[in-house]
Amino acid sequence: MTKFPLFTRLIHWLSAVLIVSLFASGWYMVDLDYYSPWYQTLPDLHQMIGVFVALLWLFKITRLIWASAPPDITTLKPYERFLSRLVKFMFYLLVMCLSLTGYLMATAGNDQHALLSLIKLPTIVTLDSEQLDPLGLAHEYMAYSIMLLLILHVLAAFKHHFFDRDDTLRRMI
């Protein structure tokens, strides 16, 4: 069995933990009221982690150019190979689009946005509230789509491990 390189596996699992954390924090913070102790802190943490994930995934995408993955397992059926590549592409597309919409929403005002008063994010484009609402909906639906893909990804890994008894999951652990 040929495992993925350790660095690839670490990025994979770190991404999984961070993306699930971002989803959970996003889901929780939409119901916060002004008097909640998390009202100011959680959005900033969410945005900081979101920026980190965007940079991590830009690195992942760039790394695809020079780092080759181990060959597919020979027992994969053609439709499994196709679905694997499709889901991987959808993850890349959705994570980067989600990061972009999050960035645009965070920096939509005229003032430079600062994360935890430390890192200043430049405003790319100024948006008004009429433009922010559809952007927020797109951000939300992409987050739900990523969670759906994540569930399918986990179920497929378990199928390969417990039913097919192949090395698909073991290569990433």
Protein backbone atom coordinates (compact mmCIF):
# COMPACT_ATOMS: atom_id res chain seq x y z
CA MET A 1 0.00 0.00 0.00
CA THR A 2 1.29 3.43 -0.96
CA LYS A 3 0.20 6.12 1.50
CA PHE A 4 -0.19 9.77 0.70
CA PRO A 5 2.79 11.83 1.85
CA LEU A 6 2.65 12.83 5.53
CA PHE A 7 2.37 16.53 4.68
CA THR A 8 -0.63 15.84 2.44
CA ARG A 9 -2.31 13.78 5.15
CA LEU A 10 -1.74 16.51 7.74
CA ILE A 11 -3.22 19.18 5.47
CA HIS A 12 -6.17 16.89 4.72
CA TRP A 13 -7.06 16.30 8.37
CA LEU A 14 -6.31 19.87 9.47
CA SER A 15 -8.58 21.12 6.69
CA ALA A 16 -11.33 18.75 7.78
CA VAL A 17 -11.20 19.93 11.40
CA LEU A 18 -11.05 23.60 10.43
CA ILE A 19 -13.86 23.38 7.88
CA VAL A 20 -16.17 21.59 10.31
CA SER A 21 -15.26 24.19 12.95
CA LEU A 22 -16.04 27.01 10.54
CA PHE A 23 -19.40 25.47 9.72
CA ALA A 24 -20.27 25.00 13.39
CA SER A 25 -19.19 28.53 14.33
CA GLY A 26 -21.06 30.02 11.36
CA TRP A 27 -24.19 28.12 12.27
CA TYR A 28 -23.93 29.22 15.90
CA MET A 29 -23.06 32.87 15.37
CA VAL A 30 -26.02 33.76 13.17
CA ASP A 31 -28.26 33.52 16.25
CA LEU A 32 -26.04 35.59 18.56
CA ASP A 33 -27.53 38.75 19.97
CA TYR A 34 -25.68 41.94 20.77
CA TYR A 35 -25.36 41.06 24.47
CA SER A 36 -23.79 37.66 23.90
CA PRO A 37 -20.14 37.46 25.01
CA TRP A 38 -19.35 35.82 21.65
CA TYR A 39 -20.99 38.58 19.58
CA GLN A 40 -17.71 40.33 18.74
CA THR A 41 -15.20 37.51 19.20
CA LEU A 42 -16.72 34.60 17.29
CA PRO A 43 -17.12 36.40 13.93
CA ASP A 44 -13.48 37.54 14.13
CA LEU A 45 -12.30 34.01 14.96
CA HIS A 46 -14.47 32.62 12.16
CA GLN A 47 -12.95 35.09 9.71
CA MET A 48 -9.36 34.45 10.89
CA ILE A 49 -9.78 30.70 10.50
CA GLY A 50 -11.50 31.28 7.14
CA VAL A 51 -8.55 33.32 5.88
CA PHE A 52 -6.17 30.61 7.10
CA VAL A 53 -8.18 27.89 5.32
CA ALA A 54 -8.23 29.97 2.11
CA LEU A 55 -4.44 30.35 2.23
CA LEU A 56 -4.00 26.66 3.09
CA TRP A 57 -6.17 25.66 0.15
CA LEU A 58 -4.40 28.04 -2.22
CA PHE A 59 -1.22 26.27 -1.14
CA LYS A 60 -2.92 22.88 -1.69
CA ILE A 61 -4.00 23.89 -5.19
CA THR A 62 -0.54 25.23 -6.03
CA ARG A 63 1.05 22.07 -4.64
CA LEU A 64 -1.02 19.94 -7.05
CA ILE A 65 1.24 21.24 -9.80
CA TRP A 66 4.47 19.77 -8.44
CA ALA A 67 3.47 17.05 -5.97
CA SER A 68 2.05 13.89 -7.43
CA ALA A 69 -0.42 11.79 -5.49
CA PRO A 70 0.05 8.06 -5.28
CA PRO A 71 -1.75 6.19 -8.07
CA ASP A 72 -5.39 5.24 -7.56
CA ILE A 73 -6.10 1.87 -6.05
CA THR A 74 -6.49 -0.61 -8.88
CA THR A 75 -9.73 -2.05 -7.46
CA LEU A 76 -11.62 1.24 -7.94
CA LYS A 77 -14.42 0.98 -10.43
CA PRO A 78 -14.51 3.62 -13.20
CA TYR A 79 -17.54 5.35 -11.67
CA GLU A 80 -15.78 5.47 -8.26
CA ARG A 81 -12.72 7.05 -9.85
CA PHE A 82 -14.95 9.59 -11.62
CA LEU A 83 -16.94 10.40 -8.47
CA SER A 84 -13.73 10.72 -6.46
CA ARG A 85 -12.34 13.28 -8.86
CA LEU A 86 -15.66 15.11 -9.11
CA VAL A 87 -16.02 15.41 -5.33
CA LYS A 88 -12.41 16.54 -4.99
CA PHE A 89 -12.96 19.22 -7.67
CA MET A 90 -16.19 20.34 -5.98
CA PHE A 91 -14.39 20.63 -2.63
CA TYR A 92 -11.71 22.84 -4.18
CA LEU A 93 -14.26 24.98 -6.02
CA LEU A 94 -16.64 25.40 -3.09
CA VAL A 95 -13.96 26.08 -0.47
CA MET A 96 -12.36 28.77 -2.62
CA CYS A 97 -15.72 30.34 -3.56
CA LEU A 98 -16.85 30.21 0.07
CA SER A 99 -13.60 31.90 1.10
CA LEU A 100 -14.11 34.59 -1.53
CA THR A 101 -17.70 35.34 -0.49
CA GLY A 102 -16.66 35.42 3.17
CA TYR A 103 -13.84 37.82 2.36
CA LEU A 104 -16.10 40.07 0.30
CA MET A 105 -18.70 40.19 3.09
CA ALA A 106 -16.08 40.91 5.78
CA THR A 107 -14.49 43.73 3.80
CA ALA A 108 -17.63 45.15 2.17
CA GLY A 109 -17.53 48.52 3.97
CA ASN A 110 -15.43 51.52 3.17
CA ASP A 111 -13.19 51.04 6.23
CA GLN A 112 -10.33 48.59 6.24
CA HIS A 113 -11.44 45.50 8.19
CA ALA A 114 -9.18 44.26 10.99
CA LEU A 115 -9.29 40.71 12.33
CA LEU A 116 -8.96 40.71 16.13
CA SER A 117 -7.42 44.18 15.71
CA LEU A 118 -4.29 42.48 14.34
CA ILE A 119 -4.50 41.80 10.64
CA LYS A 120 -5.95 44.40 8.30
CA LEU A 121 -7.78 43.06 5.28
CA PRO A 122 -7.97 45.39 2.28
CA THR A 123 -11.34 46.12 0.71
CA ILE A 124 -11.49 44.82 -2.85
CA VAL A 125 -14.95 46.10 -3.63
CA THR A 126 -17.47 48.15 -1.65
CA LEU A 127 -20.90 46.52 -1.40
CA ASP A 128 -24.21 47.83 -0.08
CA SER A 129 -26.75 45.85 1.94
CA GLU A 130 -28.75 44.91 -1.17
CA GLN A 131 -25.64 43.21 -2.57
CA LEU A 132 -24.63 41.65 0.75
CA ASP A 133 -27.84 39.67 1.26
CA PRO A 134 -27.48 37.45 -1.85
CA LEU A 135 -23.77 37.10 -1.11
CA GLY A 136 -24.62 35.93 2.41
CA LEU A 137 -27.12 33.41 1.04
CA ALA A 138 -24.57 32.09 -1.44
CA HIS A 139 -22.05 31.78 1.42
CA GLU A 140 -24.57 29.85 3.51
CA TYR A 141 -25.64 27.48 0.71
CA MET A 142 -22.04 26.77 -0.24
CA ALA A 143 -21.29 25.92 3.40
CA TYR A 144 -24.21 23.47 3.45
CA SER A 145 -23.02 22.01 0.13
CA ILE A 146 -19.54 21.46 1.56
CA MET A 147 -21.03 19.69 4.59
CA LEU A 148 -23.10 17.47 2.29
CA LEU A 149 -19.98 16.62 0.26
CA LEU A 150 -18.08 15.97 3.49
CA ILE A 151 -20.73 13.51 4.66
CA LEU A 152 -20.67 11.72 1.29
CA HIS A 153 -16.85 11.69 1.41
CA VAL A 154 -16.85 10.10 4.89
CA LEU A 155 -19.50 7.55 3.90
CA ALA A 156 -17.48 6.61 0.80
CA ALA A 157 -14.33 6.20 2.91
CA PHE A 158 -16.22 3.93 5.33
CA LYS A 159 -17.67 1.95 2.39
CA HIS A 160 -14.17 1.36 1.04
CA HIS A 161 -12.82 0.45 4.46
CA PHE A 162 -15.59 -1.76 5.86
CA PHE A 163 -17.31 -3.20 2.78
CA ASP A 164 -14.72 -3.21 -0.01
CA ARG A 165 -11.88 -3.76 2.50
CA ASP A 166 -9.44 -1.85 0.33
CA ASP A 167 -6.70 0.61 1.35
CA THR A 168 -8.49 3.83 0.37
CA LEU A 169 -8.92 5.09 3.94
CA ARG A 170 -5.65 3.67 5.27
CA ARG A 171 -3.71 5.64 2.63
CA MET A 172 -4.92 8.90 4.19
CA ILE A 173 -4.46 7.93 7.85
